[in-house]
Amino acid sequence: MSSHPANVPASIRTPCIKVCAVSGQTGLCIGCGRTLREIATWGQLSDAERDAVMESLPARLRETSPAP
């Protein structure tokens, strides 16, 4: 018997890299670039919604990273 309820996927793709800290300046996680709302609702988003967020993350992280 599976330990997952029938209506919950066994695994959900996530950009989380286990560096979880939200910047007070940007409101984004410094590890993955998501907002607190996105992190909190990640499991309820559709695959398409998660894909759209994930597509935007590299640009978010570039824009908020300090210049070298």
Foldseek 3Di string as FASTA:
>chain_A
DDPDPPVFDPDDDDQDPPQADADPVPQAGLRFGHHPVCVVCVRVDDNVVRVVVNVCRVVSNVVPDDDD
